[in-house]
N, C-alpha and C. Protein backbone atom coordinates (compact mmCIF):
# COMPACT_ATOMS: atom_id res chain seq x y z
N GLN A 1 -129.33 -129.64 -249.52
CA GLN A 1 -129.96 -129.34 -248.25
C GLN A 1 -131.39 -129.84 -248.25
N THR A 2 -131.84 -130.25 -247.08
CA THR A 2 -133.20 -130.72 -246.92
C THR A 2 -134.08 -129.53 -246.56
N PRO A 3 -135.19 -129.33 -247.27
CA PRO A 3 -136.07 -128.21 -246.95
C PRO A 3 -136.53 -128.29 -245.49
N GLY A 4 -136.50 -127.15 -244.82
CA GLY A 4 -136.95 -127.11 -243.43
C GLY A 4 -135.90 -127.55 -242.42
N VAL A 5 -134.72 -127.93 -242.91
CA VAL A 5 -133.65 -128.36 -242.02
C VAL A 5 -132.52 -127.34 -242.11
N GLU A 6 -132.09 -126.86 -240.95
CA GLU A 6 -131.01 -125.88 -240.90
C GLU A 6 -129.90 -126.44 -240.01
N TRP A 7 -128.68 -126.52 -240.53
CA TRP A 7 -127.52 -127.00 -239.80
C TRP A 7 -126.90 -125.79 -239.12
N VAL A 8 -127.07 -125.68 -237.80
CA VAL A 8 -126.64 -124.52 -237.05
C VAL A 8 -125.31 -124.82 -236.37
N VAL A 9 -124.36 -123.90 -236.50
CA VAL A 9 -123.04 -124.07 -235.89
C VAL A 9 -122.56 -122.74 -235.31
N SER A 10 -121.67 -122.85 -234.35
CA SER A 10 -120.98 -121.67 -233.81
C SER A 10 -119.58 -121.65 -234.40
N ASP A 11 -118.86 -120.57 -234.17
CA ASP A 11 -117.47 -120.51 -234.64
C ASP A 11 -116.64 -121.63 -234.00
N ALA A 12 -116.89 -121.92 -232.72
CA ALA A 12 -116.15 -122.98 -232.04
C ALA A 12 -116.41 -124.34 -232.68
N ILE A 13 -117.64 -124.58 -233.09
CA ILE A 13 -117.98 -125.86 -233.74
C ILE A 13 -117.30 -125.95 -235.10
N LEU A 14 -117.31 -124.86 -235.86
CA LEU A 14 -116.62 -124.87 -237.15
C LEU A 14 -115.13 -125.16 -236.97
N ASN A 15 -114.53 -124.57 -235.95
CA ASN A 15 -113.12 -124.84 -235.67
C ASN A 15 -112.90 -126.31 -235.32
N GLU A 16 -113.83 -126.88 -234.58
CA GLU A 16 -113.75 -128.31 -234.24
C GLU A 16 -113.83 -129.17 -235.50
N TYR A 17 -114.77 -128.87 -236.39
CA TYR A 17 -114.90 -129.61 -237.65
C TYR A 17 -113.60 -129.54 -238.44
N ARG A 18 -113.05 -128.33 -238.56
CA ARG A 18 -111.79 -128.15 -239.31
C ARG A 18 -110.67 -128.98 -238.70
N SER A 19 -110.58 -128.94 -237.39
CA SER A 19 -109.53 -129.67 -236.67
C SER A 19 -109.67 -131.18 -236.86
N VAL A 20 -110.87 -131.68 -236.73
CA VAL A 20 -111.11 -133.12 -236.86
C VAL A 20 -110.81 -133.59 -238.27
N LEU A 21 -111.31 -132.85 -239.27
CA LEU A 21 -111.08 -133.28 -240.66
C LEU A 21 -109.61 -133.24 -241.06
N ALA A 22 -108.84 -132.39 -240.40
CA ALA A 22 -107.41 -132.26 -240.73
C ALA A 22 -106.53 -133.26 -239.98
N ARG A 23 -107.11 -134.10 -239.15
CA ARG A 23 -106.33 -135.07 -238.37
C ARG A 23 -105.59 -136.03 -239.31
N PRO A 24 -104.34 -136.32 -238.96
CA PRO A 24 -103.55 -137.23 -239.80
C PRO A 24 -104.19 -138.61 -239.98
N LYS A 25 -104.95 -139.09 -238.99
CA LYS A 25 -105.54 -140.43 -239.12
C LYS A 25 -106.52 -140.53 -240.29
N PHE A 26 -107.08 -139.39 -240.73
CA PHE A 26 -107.99 -139.41 -241.87
C PHE A 26 -107.24 -139.27 -243.19
N ALA A 27 -106.06 -138.71 -243.15
CA ALA A 27 -105.19 -138.60 -244.32
C ALA A 27 -105.94 -138.08 -245.56
N LEU A 28 -106.76 -137.05 -245.35
CA LEU A 28 -107.49 -136.49 -246.49
C LEU A 28 -106.54 -135.67 -247.35
N PRO A 29 -106.51 -135.95 -248.65
CA PRO A 29 -105.70 -135.12 -249.55
C PRO A 29 -106.22 -133.68 -249.49
N ALA A 30 -105.34 -132.71 -249.68
CA ALA A 30 -105.70 -131.30 -249.58
C ALA A 30 -106.93 -130.92 -250.41
N PRO A 31 -107.06 -131.39 -251.66
CA PRO A 31 -108.26 -131.01 -252.43
C PRO A 31 -109.56 -131.57 -251.82
N VAL A 32 -109.50 -132.75 -251.25
CA VAL A 32 -110.68 -133.35 -250.62
C VAL A 32 -111.03 -132.58 -249.35
N LEU A 33 -110.04 -132.26 -248.55
CA LEU A 33 -110.25 -131.48 -247.34
C LEU A 33 -110.86 -130.12 -247.68
N THR A 34 -110.34 -129.48 -248.70
CA THR A 34 -110.85 -128.19 -249.14
C THR A 34 -112.31 -128.29 -249.56
N ARG A 35 -112.65 -129.36 -250.29
CA ARG A 35 -114.05 -129.55 -250.73
C ARG A 35 -114.97 -129.74 -249.52
N TRP A 36 -114.54 -130.55 -248.54
CA TRP A 36 -115.36 -130.79 -247.35
C TRP A 36 -115.58 -129.49 -246.59
N LEU A 37 -114.51 -128.72 -246.40
CA LEU A 37 -114.64 -127.47 -245.65
C LEU A 37 -115.53 -126.47 -246.39
N SER A 38 -115.44 -126.45 -247.71
CA SER A 38 -116.29 -125.59 -248.51
C SER A 38 -117.76 -126.01 -248.39
N LEU A 39 -118.01 -127.31 -248.44
CA LEU A 39 -119.36 -127.83 -248.29
C LEU A 39 -119.93 -127.44 -246.93
N ILE A 40 -119.14 -127.61 -245.88
CA ILE A 40 -119.61 -127.26 -244.53
C ILE A 40 -119.90 -125.76 -244.45
N ASP A 41 -119.04 -124.94 -245.01
CA ASP A 41 -119.27 -123.49 -245.00
C ASP A 41 -120.58 -123.13 -245.70
N ARG A 42 -120.86 -123.78 -246.83
CA ARG A 42 -122.08 -123.48 -247.58
C ARG A 42 -123.34 -124.03 -246.92
N ALA A 43 -123.21 -125.17 -246.26
CA ALA A 43 -124.38 -125.88 -245.73
C ALA A 43 -124.79 -125.43 -244.33
N THR A 44 -123.94 -124.68 -243.65
CA THR A 44 -124.23 -124.33 -242.26
C THR A 44 -124.69 -122.89 -242.10
N THR A 45 -125.38 -122.67 -241.00
CA THR A 45 -125.80 -121.34 -240.60
C THR A 45 -125.08 -121.01 -239.30
N ARG A 46 -124.39 -119.87 -239.28
CA ARG A 46 -123.65 -119.47 -238.07
C ARG A 46 -124.61 -118.96 -237.01
N PHE A 47 -124.34 -119.35 -235.78
CA PHE A 47 -125.13 -118.87 -234.66
C PHE A 47 -124.16 -118.42 -233.58
N GLU A 48 -124.33 -117.20 -233.12
CA GLU A 48 -123.42 -116.66 -232.11
C GLU A 48 -123.78 -117.20 -230.73
N VAL A 49 -122.76 -117.69 -230.04
CA VAL A 49 -122.94 -118.23 -228.70
C VAL A 49 -122.15 -117.34 -227.75
N ASP A 50 -122.82 -116.82 -226.72
CA ASP A 50 -122.18 -115.89 -225.79
C ASP A 50 -121.14 -116.56 -224.91
N ARG A 51 -121.52 -117.67 -224.29
CA ARG A 51 -120.57 -118.37 -223.43
C ARG A 51 -120.89 -119.85 -223.43
N VAL A 52 -119.88 -120.65 -223.15
CA VAL A 52 -120.04 -122.10 -223.11
C VAL A 52 -119.87 -122.56 -221.67
N PRO A 53 -120.90 -123.19 -221.09
CA PRO A 53 -120.80 -123.64 -219.71
C PRO A 53 -119.95 -124.90 -219.58
N ASP A 54 -119.61 -125.25 -218.36
CA ASP A 54 -118.89 -126.50 -218.11
C ASP A 54 -119.83 -127.67 -218.38
N PHE A 55 -119.29 -128.71 -218.96
CA PHE A 55 -120.04 -129.94 -219.19
C PHE A 55 -119.12 -131.07 -218.76
N PRO A 56 -119.20 -131.47 -217.49
CA PRO A 56 -118.21 -132.38 -216.91
C PRO A 56 -117.87 -133.65 -217.70
N PRO A 57 -118.83 -134.35 -218.31
CA PRO A 57 -118.42 -135.57 -219.01
C PRO A 57 -117.37 -135.33 -220.10
N ASP A 58 -117.49 -134.22 -220.84
CA ASP A 58 -116.54 -133.90 -221.91
C ASP A 58 -116.67 -132.42 -222.23
N ALA A 59 -115.66 -131.66 -221.84
CA ALA A 59 -115.70 -130.21 -222.04
C ALA A 59 -115.88 -129.85 -223.51
N GLY A 60 -115.38 -130.67 -224.43
CA GLY A 60 -115.52 -130.41 -225.86
C GLY A 60 -116.95 -130.49 -226.35
N ASP A 61 -117.79 -131.23 -225.63
CA ASP A 61 -119.19 -131.38 -226.02
C ASP A 61 -120.03 -130.16 -225.66
N ALA A 62 -119.55 -129.36 -224.70
CA ALA A 62 -120.33 -128.22 -224.22
C ALA A 62 -120.67 -127.25 -225.35
N GLN A 63 -119.77 -127.06 -226.31
CA GLN A 63 -120.03 -126.11 -227.40
C GLN A 63 -121.21 -126.56 -228.25
N PHE A 64 -121.39 -127.86 -228.43
CA PHE A 64 -122.51 -128.37 -229.21
C PHE A 64 -123.82 -128.20 -228.45
N LEU A 65 -123.81 -128.52 -227.16
CA LEU A 65 -125.00 -128.36 -226.34
C LEU A 65 -125.41 -126.89 -226.27
N THR A 66 -124.44 -126.01 -226.07
CA THR A 66 -124.72 -124.59 -225.94
C THR A 66 -125.30 -124.02 -227.22
N CYS A 67 -124.73 -124.38 -228.36
CA CYS A 67 -125.22 -123.88 -229.64
C CYS A 67 -126.66 -124.37 -229.89
N ALA A 68 -126.90 -125.65 -229.64
CA ALA A 68 -128.24 -126.21 -229.85
C ALA A 68 -129.25 -125.52 -228.94
N PHE A 69 -128.88 -125.33 -227.69
CA PHE A 69 -129.78 -124.70 -226.73
C PHE A 69 -130.04 -123.24 -227.10
N ALA A 70 -128.98 -122.50 -227.42
CA ALA A 70 -129.12 -121.08 -227.77
C ALA A 70 -129.95 -120.89 -229.03
N ALA A 71 -129.80 -121.81 -230.00
CA ALA A 71 -130.55 -121.70 -231.26
C ALA A 71 -131.95 -122.29 -231.16
N GLU A 72 -132.27 -122.85 -229.98
CA GLU A 72 -133.54 -123.53 -229.78
C GLU A 72 -133.76 -124.58 -230.86
N ALA A 73 -132.69 -125.33 -231.13
CA ALA A 73 -132.73 -126.36 -232.16
C ALA A 73 -133.70 -127.47 -231.76
N GLU A 74 -134.37 -128.01 -232.74
CA GLU A 74 -135.28 -129.12 -232.48
C GLU A 74 -134.49 -130.39 -232.20
N PHE A 75 -133.34 -130.55 -232.90
CA PHE A 75 -132.51 -131.74 -232.74
C PHE A 75 -131.04 -131.38 -232.60
N LEU A 76 -130.32 -132.14 -231.81
CA LEU A 76 -128.86 -132.16 -231.78
C LEU A 76 -128.50 -133.55 -232.26
N VAL A 77 -127.90 -133.64 -233.44
CA VAL A 77 -127.58 -134.93 -234.06
C VAL A 77 -126.14 -135.27 -233.73
N THR A 78 -125.94 -136.43 -233.13
CA THR A 78 -124.59 -136.83 -232.73
C THR A 78 -124.44 -138.34 -232.69
N GLY A 79 -123.22 -138.77 -232.91
CA GLY A 79 -122.87 -140.18 -232.73
C GLY A 79 -122.01 -140.35 -231.49
N ASP A 80 -121.80 -139.26 -230.77
CA ASP A 80 -120.95 -139.23 -229.59
C ASP A 80 -121.67 -139.90 -228.42
N ARG A 81 -121.08 -140.96 -227.90
CA ARG A 81 -121.69 -141.68 -226.79
C ARG A 81 -121.67 -140.87 -225.49
N GLY A 82 -120.93 -139.77 -225.47
CA GLY A 82 -120.90 -138.90 -224.30
C GLY A 82 -122.25 -138.25 -224.02
N PHE A 83 -123.15 -138.30 -224.99
CA PHE A 83 -124.47 -137.70 -224.82
C PHE A 83 -125.52 -138.72 -224.40
N GLU A 84 -125.12 -139.98 -224.18
CA GLU A 84 -126.10 -141.02 -223.86
C GLU A 84 -126.93 -140.72 -222.63
N HIS A 85 -126.33 -140.04 -221.65
CA HIS A 85 -127.06 -139.74 -220.42
C HIS A 85 -128.06 -138.61 -220.60
N ALA A 86 -127.92 -137.83 -221.66
CA ALA A 86 -128.84 -136.72 -221.91
C ALA A 86 -129.59 -136.99 -223.21
N ARG A 87 -130.88 -137.03 -223.16
CA ARG A 87 -131.68 -137.26 -224.36
C ARG A 87 -132.46 -136.01 -224.75
N LYS A 88 -132.51 -135.02 -223.86
CA LYS A 88 -133.26 -133.80 -224.15
C LYS A 88 -132.61 -132.65 -223.40
N LEU A 89 -132.53 -131.50 -224.05
CA LEU A 89 -131.99 -130.29 -223.46
C LEU A 89 -132.94 -129.16 -223.83
N GLY A 90 -133.78 -128.75 -222.90
CA GLY A 90 -134.80 -127.75 -223.22
C GLY A 90 -135.72 -128.30 -224.30
N VAL A 91 -135.83 -127.59 -225.42
CA VAL A 91 -136.68 -128.05 -226.53
C VAL A 91 -135.91 -128.96 -227.48
N THR A 92 -134.62 -129.17 -227.23
CA THR A 92 -133.76 -129.92 -228.15
C THR A 92 -133.69 -131.40 -227.79
N ALA A 93 -134.07 -132.25 -228.75
CA ALA A 93 -133.92 -133.69 -228.58
C ALA A 93 -132.53 -134.09 -229.08
N ILE A 94 -131.83 -134.89 -228.30
CA ILE A 94 -130.50 -135.35 -228.68
C ILE A 94 -130.67 -136.73 -229.29
N VAL A 95 -130.33 -136.84 -230.60
CA VAL A 95 -130.62 -138.06 -231.36
C VAL A 95 -129.39 -138.51 -232.15
N SER A 96 -129.41 -139.78 -232.53
CA SER A 96 -128.35 -140.32 -233.40
C SER A 96 -128.66 -139.95 -234.85
N VAL A 97 -127.69 -140.17 -235.72
CA VAL A 97 -127.89 -139.89 -237.14
C VAL A 97 -129.04 -140.74 -237.69
N SER A 98 -129.09 -142.03 -237.32
CA SER A 98 -130.16 -142.90 -237.83
C SER A 98 -131.53 -142.45 -237.31
N GLN A 99 -131.60 -141.99 -236.06
CA GLN A 99 -132.87 -141.48 -235.54
C GLN A 99 -133.30 -140.21 -236.28
N PHE A 100 -132.35 -139.31 -236.53
CA PHE A 100 -132.66 -138.08 -237.26
C PHE A 100 -133.18 -138.42 -238.65
N LYS A 101 -132.51 -139.35 -239.32
CA LYS A 101 -132.94 -139.77 -240.65
C LYS A 101 -134.38 -140.28 -240.60
N ARG A 102 -134.65 -141.13 -239.61
CA ARG A 102 -135.99 -141.70 -239.49
C ARG A 102 -137.03 -140.61 -239.18
N PHE A 103 -136.72 -139.68 -238.27
CA PHE A 103 -137.67 -138.65 -237.86
C PHE A 103 -137.89 -137.58 -238.93
N VAL A 104 -136.83 -137.23 -239.67
CA VAL A 104 -136.89 -136.05 -240.53
C VAL A 104 -136.82 -136.36 -242.01
N CYS A 105 -135.96 -137.29 -242.40
CA CYS A 105 -135.68 -137.50 -243.82
C CYS A 105 -136.54 -138.57 -244.47
N ASP A 106 -136.84 -139.63 -243.73
CA ASP A 106 -137.61 -140.73 -244.31
C ASP A 106 -139.07 -140.31 -244.47
N PRO A 107 -139.70 -140.79 -245.56
CA PRO A 107 -141.12 -140.47 -245.71
C PRO A 107 -141.92 -141.19 -244.61
N PRO A 108 -142.99 -140.56 -244.16
CA PRO A 108 -143.80 -141.22 -243.12
C PRO A 108 -144.40 -142.51 -243.65
N THR A 109 -144.48 -143.49 -242.77
CA THR A 109 -145.10 -144.75 -243.17
C THR A 109 -146.57 -144.65 -242.88
N SER A 110 -147.35 -145.15 -243.78
CA SER A 110 -148.80 -145.10 -243.58
C SER A 110 -149.24 -146.36 -242.83
N ALA A 111 -150.24 -146.19 -242.02
CA ALA A 111 -150.77 -147.34 -241.28
C ALA A 111 -151.48 -148.26 -242.27
N ARG A 112 -151.26 -149.52 -242.05
CA ARG A 112 -151.90 -150.49 -242.94
C ARG A 112 -153.36 -150.69 -242.53
N GLY A 113 -154.19 -150.57 -243.48
CA GLY A 113 -155.63 -150.77 -243.22
C GLY A 113 -156.08 -152.11 -243.75
N GLY A 114 -157.21 -152.55 -243.26
CA GLY A 114 -157.68 -153.87 -243.67
C GLY A 114 -158.88 -153.84 -244.50
């Protein structure tokens, strides 16, 4: 885990992760699937979400938006192109994995002086 970074999920999001990882197209052997699910359980923080509003572009995305908004998350990290029309939700910036890496994980670059 990265210090200062908290991976926040709701029960609905955890169910989505489990469902996606178990899809036949990934053909994950049972021990690998078990390890991934265990890692996700250890690495995430549960956040209770009261209700999920309608999100017309993709109803499945609403659970991610709701959890991020309810947790007042600084970032919602996604590769889902369904979020392209929304770049900010309240205090939450919606970013790609590469943007998150650049903003949070990479060391700051120093300005070159002459």
